[in-house]
Amino acid sequence: MDIKRHSSPGLPPKPHKPSLVPKTTVVLKVGTSSLVRTEQMTVNLSSLARICETVKALHDQGLETHSRCSL
């Protein structure tokens, strides 16, 4: 037998229970030399793409990320 749960109209949604597992935060500090090709004075797009892929992979694992850059 399939049991389907329906929310009753007019009733407030159930409150979200906080997780007992603390969230892990990863801080990414990216230096200027990783983002800029100094000879051409252009953005190093391949490096930036790798950083973005890494951040997405961390998010997909449920980790919180903060990025810092010193230009």
PDB file of N, CA and C in Angstrom:
ATOM      1  N   MET A   1       0.842  -1.165   0.000  1.00  0.00           N
ATOM      2  CA  MET A   1       0.000   0.000   0.000  1.00  0.00           C
ATOM      3  C   MET A   1       0.894   1.237   0.000  1.00  0.00           C
ATOM      4  N   ASP A   2       0.608   2.188  -0.885  1.00  0.00           N
ATOM      5  CA  ASP A   2       1.340   3.442  -0.932  1.00  0.00           C
ATOM      6  C   ASP A   2       0.682   4.449  -0.011  1.00  0.00           C
ATOM      7  N   ILE A   3       1.474   5.074   0.822  1.00  0.00           N
ATOM      8  CA  ILE A   3       0.962   6.133   1.690  1.00  0.00           C
ATOM      9  C   ILE A   3       1.479   7.445   1.144  1.00  0.00           C
ATOM     10  N   LYS A   4       0.580   8.344   0.839  1.00  0.00           N
ATOM     11  CA  LYS A   4       0.957   9.644   0.319  1.00  0.00           C
ATOM     12  C   LYS A   4       0.711  10.683   1.398  1.00  0.00           C
ATOM     13  N   ARG A   5       1.677  11.561   1.562  1.00  0.00           N
ATOM     14  CA  ARG A   5       1.534  12.620   2.554  1.00  0.00           C
ATOM     15  C   ARG A   5       1.103  13.892   1.856  1.00  0.00           C
ATOM     16  N   HIS A   6       0.087  14.470   2.370  1.00  0.00           N
ATOM     17  CA  HIS A   6      -0.428  15.731   1.825  1.00  0.00           C
ATOM     18  C   HIS A   6      -0.388  16.777   2.917  1.00  0.00           C
ATOM     19  N   SER A   7      -0.036  17.973   2.540  1.00  0.00           N
ATOM     20  CA  SER A   7      -0.110  19.048   3.525  1.00  0.00           C
ATOM     21  C   SER A   7      -1.535  19.579   3.528  1.00  0.00           C
ATOM     22  N   SER A   8      -2.035  19.820   4.699  1.00  0.00           N
ATOM     23  CA  SER A   8      -3.397  20.319   4.824  1.00  0.00           C
ATOM     24  C   SER A   8      -3.420  21.808   4.540  1.00  0.00           C
ATOM     25  N   PRO A   9      -4.364  22.255   3.700  1.00  0.00           N
ATOM     26  CA  PRO A   9      -4.448  23.691   3.422  1.00  0.00           C
ATOM     27  C   PRO A   9      -4.805  24.445   4.694  1.00  0.00           C
ATOM     28  N   GLY A  10      -4.176  25.587   4.872  1.00  0.00           N
ATOM     29  CA  GLY A  10      -4.464  26.410   6.027  1.00  0.00           C
ATOM     30  C   GLY A  10      -3.563  26.132   7.217  1.00  0.00           C
ATOM     31  N   LEU A  11      -2.827  25.031   7.198  1.00  0.00           N
ATOM     32  CA  LEU A  11      -1.922  24.736   8.295  1.00  0.00           C
ATOM     33  C   LEU A  11      -0.527  25.218   7.932  1.00  0.00           C
ATOM     34  N   PRO A  12       0.195  25.773   8.909  1.00  0.00           N
ATOM     35  CA  PRO A  12       1.558  26.234   8.597  1.00  0.00           C
ATOM     36  C   PRO A  12       2.474  25.038   8.354  1.00  0.00           C
ATOM     37  N   PRO A  13       3.516  25.226   7.544  1.00  0.00           N
ATOM     38  CA  PRO A  13       4.446  24.122   7.296  1.00  0.00           C
ATOM     39  C   PRO A  13       5.178  23.756   8.583  1.00  0.00           C
ATOM     40  N   LYS A  14       5.596  22.506   8.670  1.00  0.00           N
ATOM     41  CA  LYS A  14       6.330  22.061   9.844  1.00  0.00           C
ATOM     42  C   LYS A  14       7.682  22.762   9.874  1.00  0.00           C
ATOM     43  N   PRO A  15       8.113  23.166  11.075  1.00  0.00           N
ATOM     44  CA  PRO A  15       9.411  23.852  11.143  1.00  0.00           C
ATOM     45  C   PRO A  15      10.548  22.896  10.821  1.00  0.00           C
ATOM     46  N   HIS A  16      11.586  23.438  10.206  1.00  0.00           N
ATOM     47  CA  HIS A  16      12.758  22.648   9.841  1.00  0.00           C
ATOM     48  C   HIS A  16      13.568  22.385  11.102  1.00  0.00           C
ATOM     49  N   LYS A  17      13.916  21.121  11.352  1.00  0.00           N
ATOM     50  CA  LYS A  17      14.737  20.781  12.505  1.00  0.00           C
ATOM     51  C   LYS A  17      16.198  21.037  12.161  1.00  0.00           C
ATOM     52  N   PRO A  18      16.910  21.726  13.047  1.00  0.00           N
ATOM     53  CA  PRO A  18      18.325  21.968  12.758  1.00  0.00           C
ATOM     54  C   PRO A  18      19.117  20.672  12.787  1.00  0.00           C
ATOM     55  N   SER A  19      20.117  20.600  11.942  1.00  0.00           N
ATOM     56  CA  SER A  19      20.963  19.415  11.865  1.00  0.00           C
ATOM     57  C   SER A  19      21.836  19.335  13.110  1.00  0.00           C
ATOM     58  N   LEU A  20      22.028  18.129  13.602  1.00  0.00           N
ATOM     59  CA  LEU A  20      22.899  17.934  14.751  1.00  0.00           C
ATOM     60  C   LEU A  20      24.363  17.863  14.333  1.00  0.00           C
ATOM     61  N   VAL A  21      24.595  17.718  13.040  1.00  0.00           N
ATOM     62  CA  VAL A  21      25.953  17.651  12.515  1.00  0.00           C
ATOM     63  C   VAL A  21      26.385  19.062  12.134  1.00  0.00           C
ATOM     64  N   PRO A  22      27.496  19.556  12.700  1.00  0.00           N
ATOM     65  CA  PRO A  22      27.929  20.901  12.336  1.00  0.00           C
ATOM     66  C   PRO A  22      28.343  20.968  10.878  1.00  0.00           C
ATOM     67  N   LYS A  23      28.042  22.096  10.243  1.00  0.00           N
ATOM     68  CA  LYS A  23      28.399  22.285   8.846  1.00  0.00           C
ATOM     69  C   LYS A  23      29.888  22.593   8.731  1.00  0.00           C
ATOM     70  N   THR A  24      30.516  22.016   7.745  1.00  0.00           N
ATOM     71  CA  THR A  24      31.927  22.277   7.505  1.00  0.00           C
ATOM     72  C   THR A  24      32.048  23.422   6.512  1.00  0.00           C
ATOM     73  N   THR A  25      32.882  24.379   6.843  1.00  0.00           N
ATOM     74  CA  THR A  25      33.105  25.519   5.967  1.00  0.00           C
ATOM     75  C   THR A  25      34.524  25.450   5.419  1.00  0.00           C
ATOM     76  N   VAL A  26      34.632  25.621   4.115  1.00  0.00           N
ATOM     77  CA  VAL A  26      35.931  25.644   3.448  1.00  0.00           C
ATOM     78  C   VAL A  26      36.158  27.065   2.957  1.00  0.00           C
ATOM     79  N   VAL A  27      37.302  27.643   3.310  1.00  0.00           N
ATOM     80  CA  VAL A  27      37.647  28.985   2.853  1.00  0.00           C
ATOM     81  C   VAL A  27      38.714  28.860   1.781  1.00  0.00           C
ATOM     82  N   LEU A  28      38.433  29.421   0.614  1.00  0.00           N
ATOM     83  CA  LEU A  28      39.387  29.407  -0.501  1.00  0.00           C
ATOM     84  C   LEU A  28      40.004  30.796  -0.625  1.00  0.00           C
ATOM     85  N   LYS A  29      41.293  30.883  -0.429  1.00  0.00           N
ATOM     86  CA  LYS A  29      41.982  32.156  -0.612  1.00  0.00           C
ATOM     87  C   LYS A  29      42.781  32.036  -1.899  1.00  0.00           C
ATOM     88  N   VAL A  30      42.428  32.854  -2.852  1.00  0.00           N
ATOM     89  CA  VAL A  30      43.048  32.783  -4.178  1.00  0.00           C
ATOM     90  C   VAL A  30      43.925  34.014  -4.362  1.00  0.00           C
ATOM     91  N   GLY A  31      45.182  33.784  -4.647  1.00  0.00           N
ATOM     92  CA  GLY A  31      46.114  34.885  -4.848  1.00  0.00           C
ATOM     93  C   GLY A  31      46.058  35.449  -6.257  1.00  0.00           C
ATOM     94  N   THR A  32      46.567  36.657  -6.381  1.00  0.00           N
ATOM     95  CA  THR A  32      46.576  37.348  -7.667  1.00  0.00           C
ATOM     96  C   THR A  32      47.302  36.543  -8.733  1.00  0.00           C
ATOM     97  N   SER A  33      48.394  35.905  -8.347  1.00  0.00           N
ATOM     98  CA  SER A  33      49.183  35.155  -9.341  1.00  0.00           C
ATOM     99  C   SER A  33      48.420  33.959  -9.896  1.00  0.00           C
ATOM    100  N   SER A  34      47.387  33.514  -9.176  1.00  0.00           N
ATOM    101  CA  SER A  34      46.554  32.412  -9.679  1.00  0.00           C
ATOM    102  C   SER A  34      45.486  32.902 -10.649  1.00  0.00           C
ATOM    103  N   LEU A  35      45.156  34.170 -10.571  1.00  0.00           N
ATOM    104  CA  LEU A  35      44.068  34.709 -11.395  1.00  0.00           C
ATOM    105  C   LEU A  35      44.522  35.539 -12.589  1.00  0.00           C
ATOM    106  N   VAL A  36      45.746  36.054 -12.549  1.00  0.00           N
ATOM    107  CA  VAL A  36      46.190  36.989 -13.589  1.00  0.00           C
ATOM    108  C   VAL A  36      47.456  36.469 -14.245  1.00  0.00           C
ATOM    109  N   ARG A  37      47.481  36.555 -15.566  1.00  0.00           N
ATOM    110  CA  ARG A  37      48.713  36.293 -16.327  1.00  0.00           C
ATOM    111  C   ARG A  37      49.447  37.630 -16.419  1.00  0.00           C
ATOM    112  N   THR A  38      50.495  37.758 -15.626  1.00  0.00           N
ATOM    113  CA  THR A  38      51.140  39.067 -15.492  1.00  0.00           C
ATOM    114  C   THR A  38      51.767  39.570 -16.788  1.00  0.00           C
ATOM    115  N   GLU A  39      52.296  38.651 -17.610  1.00  0.00           N
ATOM    116  CA  GLU A  39      52.931  39.097 -18.855  1.00  0.00           C
ATOM    117  C   GLU A  39      51.923  39.752 -19.795  1.00  0.00           C
ATOM    118  N   GLN A  40      50.721  39.165 -19.878  1.00  0.00           N
ATOM    119  CA  GLN A  40      49.701  39.688 -20.786  1.00  0.00           C
ATOM    120  C   GLN A  40      48.708  40.616 -20.072  1.00  0.00           C
ATOM    121  N   MET A  41      48.764  40.654 -18.739  1.00  0.00           N
ATOM    122  CA  MET A  41      47.812  41.429 -17.932  1.00  0.00           C
ATOM    123  C   MET A  41      46.367  41.043 -18.274  1.00  0.00           C
ATOM    124  N   THR A  42      46.132  39.727 -18.335  1.00  0.00           N
ATOM    125  CA  THR A  42      44.792  39.200 -18.613  1.00  0.00           C
ATOM    126  C   THR A  42      44.409  38.212 -17.514  1.00  0.00           C
ATOM    127  N   VAL A  43      43.127  37.939 -17.434  1.00  0.00           N
ATOM    128  CA  VAL A  43      42.627  36.971 -16.462  1.00  0.00           C
ATOM    129  C   VAL A  43      42.982  35.568 -16.938  1.00  0.00           C
ATOM    130  N   ASN A  44      43.466  34.757 -16.032  1.00  0.00           N
ATOM    131  CA  ASN A  44      43.798  33.371 -16.335  1.00  0.00           C
ATOM    132  C   ASN A  44      42.496  32.563 -16.254  1.00  0.00           C
ATOM    133  N   LEU A  45      41.811  32.445 -17.376  1.00  0.00           N
ATOM    134  CA  LEU A  45      40.481  31.820 -17.396  1.00  0.00           C
ATOM    135  C   LEU A  45      40.511  30.340 -17.051  1.00  0.00           C
ATOM    136  N   SER A  46      41.569  29.640 -17.426  1.00  0.00           N
ATOM    137  CA  SER A  46      41.627  28.213 -17.102  1.00  0.00           C
ATOM    138  C   SER A  46      41.754  28.016 -15.590  1.00  0.00           C
ATOM    139  N   SER A  47      42.513  28.866 -14.952  1.00  0.00           N
ATOM    140  CA  SER A  47      42.646  28.802 -13.490  1.00  0.00           C
ATOM    141  C   SER A  47      41.309  29.147 -12.826  1.00  0.00           C
ATOM    142  N   LEU A  48      40.663  30.174 -13.315  1.00  0.00           N
ATOM    143  CA  LEU A  48      39.366  30.587 -12.770  1.00  0.00           C
ATOM    144  C   LEU A  48      38.328  29.474 -12.950  1.00  0.00           C
ATOM    145  N   ALA A  49      38.357  28.804 -14.091  1.00  0.00           N
ATOM    146  CA  ALA A  49      37.421  27.698 -14.343  1.00  0.00           C
ATOM    147  C   ALA A  49      37.659  26.548 -13.365  1.00  0.00           C
ATOM    148  N   ARG A  50      38.924  26.222 -13.095  1.00  0.00           N
ATOM    149  CA  ARG A  50      39.240  25.155 -12.130  1.00  0.00           C
ATOM    150  C   ARG A  50      38.749  25.522 -10.733  1.00  0.00           C
ATOM    151  N   ILE A  51      38.903  26.783 -10.368  1.00  0.00           N
ATOM    152  CA  ILE A  51      38.420  27.232  -9.051  1.00  0.00           C
ATOM    153  C   ILE A  51      36.906  27.080  -8.978  1.00  0.00           C
ATOM    154  N   CYS A  52      36.202  27.488 -10.025  1.00  0.00           N
ATOM    155  CA  CYS A  52      34.736  27.369 -10.051  1.00  0.00           C
ATOM    156  C   CYS A  52      34.298  25.907  -9.968  1.00  0.00           C
ATOM    157  N   GLU A  53      34.986  25.034 -10.695  1.00  0.00           N
ATOM    158  CA  GLU A  53      34.651  23.599 -10.646  1.00  0.00           C
ATOM    159  C   GLU A  53      34.888  23.021  -9.254  1.00  0.00           C
ATOM    160  N   THR A  54      35.945  23.469  -8.599  1.00  0.00           N
ATOM    161  CA  THR A  54      36.241  23.004  -7.245  1.00  0.00           C
ATOM    162  C   THR A  54      35.168  23.456  -6.265  1.00  0.00           C
ATOM    163  N   VAL A  55      34.766  24.714  -6.371  1.00  0.00           N
ATOM    164  CA  VAL A  55      33.711  25.241  -5.489  1.00  0.00           C
ATOM    165  C   VAL A  55      32.411  24.479  -5.704  1.00  0.00           C
ATOM    166  N   LYS A  56      32.065  24.202  -6.951  1.00  0.00           N
ATOM    167  CA  LYS A  56      30.841  23.448  -7.233  1.00  0.00           C
ATOM    168  C   LYS A  56      30.920  22.043  -6.646  1.00  0.00           C
ATOM    169  N   ALA A  57      32.066  21.383  -6.795  1.00  0.00           N
ATOM    170  CA  ALA A  57      32.229  20.036  -6.240  1.00  0.00           C
ATOM    171  C   ALA A  57      32.086  20.050  -4.724  1.00  0.00           C
ATOM    172  N   LEU A  58      32.625  21.070  -4.073  1.00  0.00           N
ATOM    173  CA  LEU A  58      32.486  21.188  -2.621  1.00  0.00           C
ATOM    174  C   LEU A  58      31.029  21.407  -2.227  1.00  0.00           C
ATOM    175  N   HIS A  59      30.321  22.261  -2.976  1.00  0.00           N
ATOM    176  CA  HIS A  59      28.889  22.494  -2.723  1.00  0.00           C
ATOM    177  C   HIS A  59      28.095  21.205  -2.925  1.00  0.00           C
ATOM    178  N   ASP A  60      28.432  20.457  -3.956  1.00  0.00           N
ATOM    179  CA  ASP A  60      27.736  19.194  -4.224  1.00  0.00           C
ATOM    180  C   ASP A  60      27.925  18.189  -3.089  1.00  0.00           C
ATOM    181  N   GLN A  61      29.026  18.327  -2.350  1.00  0.00           N
ATOM    182  CA  GLN A  61      29.287  17.456  -1.205  1.00  0.00           C
ATOM    183  C   GLN A  61      28.619  17.984   0.066  1.00  0.00           C
ATOM    184  N   GLY A  62      27.940  19.124  -0.058  1.00  0.00           N
ATOM    185  CA  GLY A  62      27.242  19.690   1.096  1.00  0.00           C
ATOM    186  C   GLY A  62      28.085  20.613   1.944  1.00  0.00           C
ATOM    187  N   LEU A  63      29.250  21.005   1.440  1.00  0.00           N
ATOM    188  CA  LEU A  63      30.121  21.898   2.193  1.00  0.00           C
ATOM    189  C   LEU A  63      29.804  23.341   1.858  1.00  0.00           C
ATOM    190  N   GLU A  64      29.982  24.200   2.832  1.00  0.00           N
ATOM    191  CA  GLU A  64      29.791  25.631   2.625  1.00  0.00           C
ATOM    192  C   GLU A  64      31.146  26.220   2.255  1.00  0.00           C
ATOM    193  N   THR A  65      31.174  27.127   1.295  1.00  0.00           N
ATOM    194  CA  THR A  65      32.449  27.698   0.878  1.00  0.00           C
ATOM    195  C   THR A  65      32.408  29.219   0.954  1.00  0.00           C
ATOM    196  N   HIS A  66      33.553  29.788   1.226  1.00  0.00           N
ATOM    197  CA  HIS A  66      33.753  31.230   1.184  1.00  0.00           C
ATOM    198  C   HIS A  66      35.028  31.466   0.389  1.00  0.00           C
ATOM    199  N   SER A  67      34.983  32.382  -0.544  1.00  0.00           N
ATOM    200  CA  SER A  67      36.150  32.658  -1.376  1.00  0.00           C
ATOM    201  C   SER A  67      36.690  34.039  -1.045  1.00  0.00           C
ATOM    202  N   ARG A  68      38.007  34.142  -1.023  1.00  0.00           N
ATOM    203  CA  ARG A  68      38.683  35.412  -0.770  1.00  0.00           C
ATOM    204  C   ARG A  68      39.745  35.581  -1.835  1.00  0.00           C
ATOM    205  N   CYS A  69      39.886  36.805  -2.282  1.00  0.00           N
ATOM    206  CA  CYS A  69      40.904  37.102  -3.283  1.00  0.00           C
ATOM    207  C   CYS A  69      41.577  38.416  -2.908  1.00  0.00           C
ATOM    208  N   SER A  70      42.869  38.440  -3.016  1.00  0.00           N
ATOM    209  CA  SER A  70      43.612  39.680  -2.726  1.00  0.00           C
ATOM    210  C   SER A  70      44.206  40.196  -4.024  1.00  0.00           C
ATOM    211  N   LEU A  71      43.567  41.171  -4.587  1.00  0.00           N
ATOM    212  CA  LEU A  71      44.086  41.762  -5.824  1.00  0.00           C
ATOM    213  C   LEU A  71      44.780  43.068  -5.542  1.00  0.00           C
TER     214      LEU A  71
END
